[in-house]
């Protein structure tokens, strides 16, 4: 039974061609037929099994982040169905789910509560999270005092230690230094080998090849190719041109 399943999923957004006054928005609401729409995703279908690692590649605007947002339940499809099974932890945007005025400690507790962890379980995981993040005494400082890399370290550490069934990662690992990236890759590989699932987006083909055994190439919201990571990243790099399915 797949842990994530997309069946003929489409997602559209209104295209804003120019700024509008309030009356313009009101007219558009009364007459939606005049609204120009574009497909962020168009009839996308795939299945992600337990213990599988899947990368989504494609140019900017291909629909990659939209796909992750739909998987996380942050948006709803206009057509088709999405099924997920188990707890989902997402690194969809740097610092998402964190409050800049709260300390690192307070943000750990907040995120744990949002994921449904008890205070007791959060306390058991706390030292592991702080140790992996490696931000030292800054854990007691407000998040607004952190560097971008420090925010990423804490966000990643919280996500992987919350024992999710599905981990969603959207480019954020590109922010950290090389030593911490290597540490993250090792942790993700342990995560997948333990029977959990990874769904990630990245423009870095080297990282995708290290993390994922399978990849999907999206372009203008459509699936161009779904195959092994090496075949898809080679095709996306222009070494071959697959026919559209």
Protein backbone atom coordinates (compact mmCIF):
# COMPACT_ATOMS: atom_id res chain seq x y z
CA UNK A 1 0.00 0.00 0.00
CA UNK A 2 1.58 3.35 -1.04
CA UNK A 3 2.32 5.94 1.60
CA UNK A 4 1.69 8.79 -0.88
CA UNK A 5 -0.56 8.49 -3.92
CA UNK A 6 -1.49 11.15 -6.51
CA UNK A 7 -4.26 10.15 -8.94
CA UNK A 8 -4.84 12.51 -11.89
CA UNK A 9 -4.13 15.57 -9.73
CA UNK A 10 -4.42 19.09 -11.14
CA UNK A 11 -3.96 22.43 -9.37
CA UNK A 12 -4.71 25.82 -10.91
CA UNK A 13 -4.07 29.40 -9.81
CA UNK A 14 -5.38 32.74 -11.03
CA UNK A 15 -2.87 34.61 -13.11
CA UNK A 16 -2.54 38.21 -11.91
CA UNK A 17 -1.55 40.29 -14.89
CA UNK A 18 -1.83 43.68 -13.20
CA UNK A 19 -2.68 45.27 -9.83
CA UNK A 20 -6.41 45.63 -9.15
CA UNK A 21 -8.44 47.85 -6.88
CA UNK A 22 -10.98 46.32 -4.52
CA UNK A 23 -13.79 46.82 -7.05
CA UNK A 24 -11.74 44.87 -9.62
CA UNK A 25 -11.42 41.91 -7.27
CA UNK A 26 -15.15 42.12 -6.56
CA UNK A 27 -15.97 42.07 -10.29
CA UNK A 28 -13.70 39.05 -10.79
CA UNK A 29 -15.42 37.26 -7.93
CA UNK A 30 -18.85 37.93 -9.50
CA UNK A 31 -17.63 36.95 -12.97
CA UNK A 32 -15.04 34.17 -12.57
CA UNK A 33 -15.29 33.15 -16.24
CA UNK A 34 -13.11 36.12 -17.14
CA UNK A 35 -10.28 34.98 -14.85
CA UNK A 36 -7.12 33.71 -16.53
CA UNK A 37 -5.91 30.47 -14.95
CA UNK A 38 -2.68 28.54 -15.27
CA UNK A 39 -1.96 24.94 -14.30
CA UNK A 40 0.66 24.54 -11.59
CA UNK A 41 0.06 20.77 -11.88
CA UNK A 42 -1.80 19.03 -14.68
CA UNK A 43 -3.08 15.44 -14.41
CA UNK A 44 -0.18 14.23 -12.24
CA UNK A 45 -0.21 10.62 -11.05
CA UNK A 46 2.41 8.70 -9.06
CA UNK A 47 2.79 6.40 -6.05
CA UNK A 48 5.43 6.54 -3.33
CA UNK A 49 5.91 3.31 -1.38
CA UNK A 50 7.19 2.94 2.18
CA UNK A 51 10.97 3.03 2.33
CA UNK A 52 11.22 4.74 -1.05
CA UNK A 53 13.05 8.01 -1.77
CA UNK A 54 11.67 10.14 -4.59
CA UNK A 55 13.07 13.39 -6.03
CA UNK A 56 11.09 15.95 -8.03
CA UNK A 57 13.21 17.81 -10.58
CA UNK A 58 12.40 20.46 -13.15
CA UNK A 59 12.85 24.16 -13.95
CA UNK A 60 11.53 27.01 -11.84
CA UNK A 61 7.76 27.19 -12.17
CA UNK A 62 7.44 23.49 -13.07
CA UNK A 63 5.12 22.78 -10.11
CA UNK A 64 7.60 21.09 -7.77
CA UNK A 65 6.85 23.12 -4.64
CA UNK A 66 3.12 22.98 -5.38
CA UNK A 67 3.36 19.19 -5.40
CA UNK A 68 5.05 19.19 -1.97
CA UNK A 69 2.48 21.64 -0.57
CA UNK A 70 -0.36 19.40 -1.75
CA UNK A 71 1.34 16.37 -0.19
CA UNK A 72 1.69 18.22 3.11
CA UNK A 73 -2.00 19.16 3.03
CA UNK A 74 -1.28 22.90 2.85
CA UNK A 75 -3.38 23.15 -0.31
CA UNK A 76 -6.14 21.15 -1.97
CA UNK A 77 -6.19 19.88 -5.56
CA UNK A 78 -8.76 21.21 -8.04
CA UNK A 79 -9.01 17.79 -9.69
CA UNK A 80 -7.98 14.27 -8.74
CA UNK A 81 -7.26 12.70 -5.38
CA UNK A 82 -4.29 12.64 -2.99
CA UNK A 83 -3.85 9.99 -0.31
CA UNK A 84 -1.16 10.03 2.38
CA UNK A 85 -0.64 7.63 5.24
CA UNK A 86 1.27 8.43 8.40
CA UNK A 87 2.85 11.48 9.99
CA UNK A 88 4.37 14.08 7.65
CA UNK A 89 7.22 16.45 8.54
CA UNK A 90 8.14 19.08 6.00
CA UNK A 91 11.04 21.44 5.29
CA UNK A 92 9.12 23.35 2.64
CA UNK A 93 10.45 26.82 3.32
CA UNK A 94 13.33 27.94 5.48
CA UNK A 95 11.99 28.70 8.93
CA UNK A 96 8.42 27.68 8.11
CA UNK A 97 6.57 26.72 11.28
CA UNK A 98 9.06 28.70 13.38
CA UNK A 99 8.39 32.02 15.13
CA UNK A 100 11.25 34.56 14.95
CA UNK A 101 10.59 35.98 18.41
CA UNK A 102 10.67 32.59 20.15
CA UNK A 103 13.91 30.95 21.24
CA UNK A 104 15.23 27.79 19.62
CA UNK A 105 14.02 25.80 22.64
CA UNK A 106 10.53 27.28 22.42
CA UNK A 107 10.37 26.60 18.67
CA UNK A 108 11.32 22.96 19.23
CA UNK A 109 8.45 22.58 21.69
CA UNK A 110 6.03 24.42 19.39
CA UNK A 111 6.87 22.24 16.37
CA UNK A 112 6.66 19.06 18.44
CA UNK A 113 3.20 20.06 19.66
CA UNK A 114 2.05 20.78 16.09
CA UNK A 115 3.18 17.29 15.08
CA UNK A 116 1.24 15.77 17.95
CA UNK A 117 4.12 14.80 20.23
CA UNK A 118 3.57 14.77 23.98
CA UNK A 119 5.60 16.95 26.33
CA UNK A 120 7.26 13.81 27.68
CA UNK A 121 8.36 12.61 24.23
CA UNK A 122 9.58 16.10 23.30
CA UNK A 123 11.68 16.23 26.46
CA UNK A 124 13.18 12.82 25.58
CA UNK A 125 14.15 14.05 22.09
CA UNK A 126 15.31 17.53 23.09
CA UNK A 127 19.00 16.78 23.73
CA UNK A 128 19.29 14.79 20.49
CA UNK A 129 17.75 17.66 18.48
CA UNK A 130 20.04 20.28 20.01
CA UNK A 131 23.15 18.14 19.66
CA UNK A 132 22.48 17.37 15.98
CA UNK A 133 21.71 21.02 15.15
CA UNK A 134 25.04 22.07 16.64
CA UNK A 135 24.10 25.69 17.32
CA UNK A 136 25.37 25.74 20.91
CA UNK A 137 24.15 28.43 23.28
CA UNK A 138 22.07 30.04 20.52
CA UNK A 139 19.38 27.49 21.33
CA UNK A 140 18.35 29.89 24.13
CA UNK A 141 18.27 32.96 21.82
CA UNK A 142 15.38 34.25 19.66
CA UNK A 143 15.32 32.81 16.15
CA UNK A 144 15.64 36.32 14.65
CA UNK A 145 19.26 36.37 15.89
CA UNK A 146 20.13 33.20 13.90
CA UNK A 147 21.95 33.08 10.59
CA UNK A 148 20.19 31.40 7.66
CA UNK A 149 22.38 28.34 8.10
CA UNK A 150 21.54 28.07 11.79
CA UNK A 151 17.80 28.20 11.06
CA UNK A 152 18.24 25.38 8.53
CA UNK A 153 20.23 23.31 11.02
CA UNK A 154 17.53 23.60 13.67
CA UNK A 155 14.65 23.05 11.22
CA UNK A 156 16.23 19.91 9.79
CA UNK A 157 17.10 18.51 13.19
CA UNK A 158 13.55 19.03 14.47
CA UNK A 159 12.01 17.41 11.36
CA UNK A 160 14.11 14.23 11.33
CA UNK A 161 13.95 13.63 15.09
CA UNK A 162 10.15 13.84 15.21
CA UNK A 163 10.04 10.33 13.69
CA UNK A 164 7.78 11.15 10.71
CA UNK A 165 6.69 8.49 8.23
CA UNK A 166 7.21 10.91 5.33
CA UNK A 167 9.86 13.63 5.16
CA UNK A 168 9.35 16.46 2.65
CA UNK A 169 12.39 18.56 1.73
CA UNK A 170 12.30 21.59 -0.59
CA UNK A 171 15.79 22.87 -1.49
CA UNK A 172 16.64 23.99 2.05
CA UNK A 173 19.64 21.67 2.41
CA UNK A 174 21.43 23.83 -0.16
CA UNK A 175 21.68 26.54 2.50
CA UNK A 176 23.97 24.71 4.93
CA UNK A 177 27.73 24.28 4.86
CA UNK A 178 29.22 21.16 3.25
CA UNK A 179 29.98 19.36 6.51
CA UNK A 180 26.41 19.77 7.74
CA UNK A 181 25.02 18.77 4.33
CA UNK A 182 27.01 15.53 4.58
CA UNK A 183 25.61 15.01 8.07
CA UNK A 184 22.06 15.56 6.76
CA UNK A 185 22.56 13.15 3.86
CA UNK A 186 23.79 10.46 6.24
CA UNK A 187 20.78 11.04 8.52
CA UNK A 188 18.33 10.92 5.59
CA UNK A 189 19.85 7.67 4.34
CA UNK A 190 19.41 6.18 7.82
CA UNK A 191 15.83 7.48 7.79
CA UNK A 192 15.00 5.80 4.47
CA UNK A 193 16.76 2.55 5.36
CA UNK A 194 14.61 2.34 8.49
CA UNK A 195 11.54 2.04 6.24
CA UNK A 196 10.49 5.71 6.13
CA UNK A 197 9.85 7.68 2.91
CA UNK A 198 11.46 10.79 1.45
CA UNK A 199 9.99 13.20 -1.09
CA UNK A 200 12.35 16.02 -2.02
CA UNK A 201 12.88 18.88 -4.47
CA UNK A 202 16.32 20.05 -5.50
CA UNK A 203 18.13 21.62 -8.46
CA UNK A 204 21.38 19.98 -7.32
CA UNK A 205 21.59 16.73 -9.32
CA UNK A 206 24.50 15.46 -7.21
CA UNK A 207 22.49 15.74 -4.01
CA UNK A 208 19.42 14.18 -5.65
CA UNK A 209 21.52 11.21 -6.78
CA UNK A 210 22.87 10.74 -3.25
CA UNK A 211 19.45 10.92 -1.60
CA UNK A 212 16.98 9.30 -3.98
CA UNK A 213 16.67 6.10 -5.96
CA UNK A 214 13.85 7.44 -8.15
CA UNK A 215 12.98 10.80 -9.69
CA UNK A 216 10.12 12.52 -11.51
CA UNK A 217 10.79 15.29 -14.03
CA UNK A 218 8.09 17.97 -14.06
CA UNK A 219 7.74 20.67 -16.69
CA UNK A 220 4.86 23.17 -16.82
CA UNK A 221 3.02 21.04 -14.28
CA UNK A 222 3.18 17.81 -16.30
CA UNK A 223 5.14 14.62 -15.71
CA UNK A 224 7.78 14.30 -18.45
CA UNK A 225 9.61 11.28 -17.04
CA UNK A 226 9.41 8.92 -14.04
CA UNK A 227 12.38 6.56 -13.70
CA UNK A 228 15.59 5.92 -11.79
CA UNK A 229 17.31 9.05 -10.48
CA UNK A 230 20.31 8.66 -12.78
CA UNK A 231 18.18 8.30 -15.93
CA UNK A 232 15.95 11.25 -15.05
CA UNK A 233 18.76 13.61 -14.04
CA UNK A 234 20.71 12.70 -17.21
CA UNK A 235 17.64 13.38 -19.34
CA UNK A 236 16.90 16.64 -17.51
CA UNK A 237 20.50 17.75 -18.04
CA UNK A 238 19.88 17.44 -21.78
CA UNK A 239 21.80 14.28 -22.53
CA UNK A 240 18.66 12.72 -24.00
CA UNK A 241 15.15 13.91 -24.77
CA UNK A 242 12.37 11.52 -23.71
CA UNK A 243 8.99 11.63 -25.40
CA UNK A 244 6.11 12.94 -23.33
CA UNK A 245 3.99 10.11 -21.93
